[in-house]
N, C-alpha and C. Protein backbone atom coordinates (compact mmCIF):
# COMPACT_ATOMS: atom_id res chain seq x y z
N MET A 1 -4.57 12.96 -2.40
CA MET A 1 -3.58 12.03 -1.69
C MET A 1 -3.24 10.63 -1.84
N ARG A 2 -2.36 11.41 -2.68
CA ARG A 2 -1.95 9.74 -3.04
C ARG A 2 -0.58 9.47 -2.24
N LEU A 3 -0.03 8.27 -1.05
CA LEU A 3 0.25 7.75 -0.41
C LEU A 3 1.60 7.69 -1.13
N GLN A 4 2.63 7.15 -0.67
CA GLN A 4 4.62 7.03 -1.25
C GLN A 4 4.45 5.48 -1.21
N LEU A 5 4.66 5.09 -1.47
CA LEU A 5 5.13 3.90 -1.06
C LEU A 5 7.12 3.34 -0.78
N ASN A 6 7.70 3.72 0.04
CA ASN A 6 8.50 4.88 0.21
C ASN A 6 9.90 3.39 0.33
N ASN A 7 9.32 2.35 -0.73
CA ASN A 7 10.46 1.39 -0.77
C ASN A 7 10.31 0.96 -2.28
N LEU A 8 11.76 0.26 -3.00
CA LEU A 8 12.03 0.10 -3.71
C LEU A 8 10.76 -1.48 -4.36
N PRO A 9 11.00 -1.42 -5.95
CA PRO A 9 9.57 -2.98 -5.96
C PRO A 9 11.00 -4.26 -5.47
N LEU A 10 10.05 -5.36 -5.39
CA LEU A 10 10.29 -6.11 -4.08
C LEU A 10 11.08 -6.91 -4.88
N GLY A 11 12.42 -7.84 -4.58
CA GLY A 11 13.00 -7.93 -5.07
C GLY A 11 14.58 -7.42 -5.62
N VAL A 12 14.47 -6.01 -5.55
CA VAL A 12 15.59 -5.48 -5.93
C VAL A 12 16.61 -5.69 -4.71
N GLY A 13 17.79 -6.52 -5.16
CA GLY A 13 18.57 -6.37 -4.06
C GLY A 13 18.63 -7.74 -3.42
N LEU A 14 17.78 -8.88 -3.55
CA LEU A 14 17.89 -10.05 -2.77
C LEU A 14 18.98 -9.75 -3.42
N GLY A 15 18.61 -11.20 -4.04
CA GLY A 15 20.28 -11.36 -4.73
C GLY A 15 21.70 -11.02 -4.18
N ARG A 16 22.01 -9.14 -3.48
CA ARG A 16 23.20 -9.05 -2.83
C ARG A 16 24.06 -10.19 -1.77
N VAL A 17 22.86 -10.30 -1.00
CA VAL A 17 23.51 -11.43 0.13
C VAL A 17 23.16 -12.63 -0.21
N LYS A 18 24.39 -13.28 0.88
CA LYS A 18 23.87 -14.44 1.22
C LYS A 18 23.23 -14.86 1.75
N GLN A 19 21.91 -15.56 2.08
CA GLN A 19 21.28 -16.23 3.65
C GLN A 19 20.93 -16.93 3.15
N SER A 20 21.47 -18.17 4.62
CA SER A 20 21.21 -18.81 4.59
C SER A 20 20.28 -19.76 5.96
N GLY A 21 19.40 -20.65 6.11
CA GLY A 21 19.06 -21.56 7.75
C GLY A 21 18.61 -20.19 8.37
N ASN A 22 18.53 -20.26 9.61
CA ASN A 22 17.26 -19.09 10.36
C ASN A 22 17.46 -17.78 9.63
N ASN A 23 18.49 -17.04 8.66
CA ASN A 23 18.61 -16.26 7.81
C ASN A 23 17.22 -15.13 7.12
N ASN A 24 17.22 -17.08 6.67
CA ASN A 24 16.68 -16.95 5.29
C ASN A 24 14.69 -16.70 5.80
N GLN A 25 14.76 -17.13 6.93
CA GLN A 25 13.41 -16.99 7.78
C GLN A 25 13.23 -15.39 8.58
N ALA A 26 13.89 -15.21 8.58
CA ALA A 26 14.14 -13.49 9.12
C ALA A 26 13.66 -12.74 7.99
N PHE A 27 14.61 -13.41 7.21
CA PHE A 27 14.47 -12.17 5.31
C PHE A 27 13.31 -12.35 4.63
N GLY A 28 12.34 -12.95 5.39
CA GLY A 28 11.28 -13.40 4.56
C GLY A 28 9.71 -13.03 5.57
N GLU A 29 10.31 -13.01 6.98
CA GLU A 29 9.46 -12.79 7.82
C GLU A 29 10.10 -10.75 7.52
N ASN A 30 10.76 -10.16 7.26
CA ASN A 30 10.89 -8.72 7.11
C ASN A 30 9.98 -8.72 5.77
N ILE A 31 10.52 -9.48 4.73
CA ILE A 31 9.81 -9.06 3.51
C ILE A 31 8.26 -9.44 3.53
N ARG A 32 7.77 -9.79 4.45
CA ARG A 32 5.78 -10.06 4.76
C ARG A 32 5.89 -8.98 5.65
N LEU A 33 6.48 -8.99 6.48
CA LEU A 33 6.09 -7.62 7.19
C LEU A 33 6.63 -6.77 6.54
N GLU A 34 7.03 -5.85 5.52
CA GLU A 34 7.28 -4.59 4.52
C GLU A 34 5.74 -4.80 3.04
N LEU A 35 5.20 -6.15 3.59
CA LEU A 35 4.76 -6.07 1.61
C LEU A 35 2.42 -5.28 2.53
N GLN A 36 2.75 -6.49 3.70
CA GLN A 36 1.24 -6.00 4.62
C GLN A 36 1.41 -4.91 5.28
N GLU A 37 2.94 -3.68 5.61
CA GLU A 37 2.58 -2.65 5.76
C GLU A 37 2.30 -1.74 4.28
N GLN A 38 2.50 -2.09 3.24
CA GLN A 38 2.01 -1.55 1.84
C GLN A 38 0.60 -2.11 1.55
N ILE A 39 0.27 -3.34 1.67
CA ILE A 39 -0.71 -3.60 1.84
C ILE A 39 -1.84 -2.74 2.54
N ASN A 40 -1.85 -2.63 3.49
CA ASN A 40 -2.50 -1.62 5.43
C ASN A 40 -2.27 -0.61 3.79
N ALA A 41 -1.09 0.29 3.59
CA ALA A 41 -1.52 1.82 2.85
C ALA A 41 -2.23 1.95 2.04
N LEU A 42 -2.16 0.68 1.12
CA LEU A 42 -3.23 1.07 0.01
C LEU A 42 -4.34 0.89 -0.14
N ARG A 43 -4.83 -0.43 1.64
CA ARG A 43 -6.71 -0.06 1.85
C ARG A 43 -6.70 0.79 3.09
N GLN A 44 -6.07 2.12 2.92
CA GLN A 44 -5.98 2.82 3.22
C GLN A 44 -6.73 4.12 2.33
N GLU A 45 -5.48 4.81 1.98
CA GLU A 45 -5.64 5.30 0.47
C GLU A 45 -7.35 3.90 0.07
N ILE A 46 -7.30 3.54 -0.79
CA ILE A 46 -8.47 3.25 -1.39
C ILE A 46 -10.21 3.98 -0.12
N GLU A 47 -9.65 3.51 0.75
CA GLU A 47 -11.06 3.94 2.38
C GLU A 47 -10.91 5.91 1.13
N LEU A 48 -9.94 6.25 1.51
CA LEU A 48 -9.84 7.66 1.77
C LEU A 48 -10.23 8.15 0.01
N LEU A 49 -9.72 6.80 -0.85
CA LEU A 49 -11.15 7.79 -2.55
C LEU A 49 -12.24 7.88 -2.54
N LYS A 50 -12.59 6.51 -1.35
CA LYS A 50 -14.41 5.90 -1.38
C LYS A 50 -15.03 7.27 -0.76
N SER A 51 -14.59 7.87 0.46
CA SER A 51 -15.09 8.81 0.79
C SER A 51 -14.68 9.70 -0.17
N GLN A 52 -13.19 10.42 -1.12
CA GLN A 52 -13.82 11.96 -1.69
C GLN A 52 -14.87 11.54 -3.06
N ASN A 53 -14.54 9.74 -3.35
CA ASN A 53 -15.71 9.71 -4.72
C ASN A 53 -17.23 9.92 -4.03
N GLN A 54 -18.02 10.17 -2.69
CA GLN A 54 -19.47 9.88 -2.09
C GLN A 54 -18.78 11.33 -1.82
N ASP A 55 -17.63 12.13 -1.62
CA ASP A 55 -18.56 13.84 -1.54
C ASP A 55 -18.94 13.73 -2.58
N LEU A 56 -17.52 13.41 -4.21
CA LEU A 56 -17.96 14.15 -5.24
C LEU A 56 -19.35 14.16 -6.36
N GLN A 57 -20.13 13.03 -5.46
CA GLN A 57 -20.78 12.60 -5.38
C GLN A 57 -22.18 12.70 -5.21
N GLU A 58 -21.96 13.06 -3.97
CA GLU A 58 -23.09 13.85 -3.58
C GLU A 58 -22.84 15.59 -4.24
N GLU A 59 -22.07 16.37 -4.12
CA GLU A 59 -21.96 17.74 -4.95
C GLU A 59 -22.25 17.46 -6.19
N ILE A 60 -22.15 16.75 -7.12
CA ILE A 60 -22.65 16.57 -8.09
C ILE A 60 -24.43 16.60 -8.02
N ASN A 61 -25.23 15.72 -7.04
CA ASN A 61 -26.33 15.33 -7.46
C ASN A 61 -26.92 16.77 -7.15
N GLN A 62 -26.33 17.49 -5.82
CA GLN A 62 -26.43 18.95 -5.20
C GLN A 62 -26.63 19.70 -6.79
N LEU A 63 -25.34 19.62 -7.09
CA LEU A 63 -25.76 20.80 -7.78
C LEU A 63 -26.47 20.62 -9.55
N LYS A 64 -26.95 18.72 -9.12
CA LYS A 64 -27.71 18.83 -10.76
C LYS A 64 -29.40 19.51 -10.05
N GLY A 65 -29.06 19.52 -9.17
CA GLY A 65 -30.49 19.37 -8.30
C GLY A 65 -31.51 18.28 -7.53
N VAL A 66 -30.93 16.99 -7.75
CA VAL A 66 -31.51 15.80 -7.65
C VAL A 66 -31.26 15.97 -5.28
């Protein structure tokens, strides 16, 4: 199972809205939070893949008679 990252690539559309002052901070914080969500989703996917890999390795060992 592959997780779908539901956001556009970083930088898409960033130049469309002129930002200034505190808006830049809020905008940057939103990007940081979005990236953190994507990082967390990728970490979860890695853990799932590790678990699937371990299950497959155990199955291979059983088939080999190890």
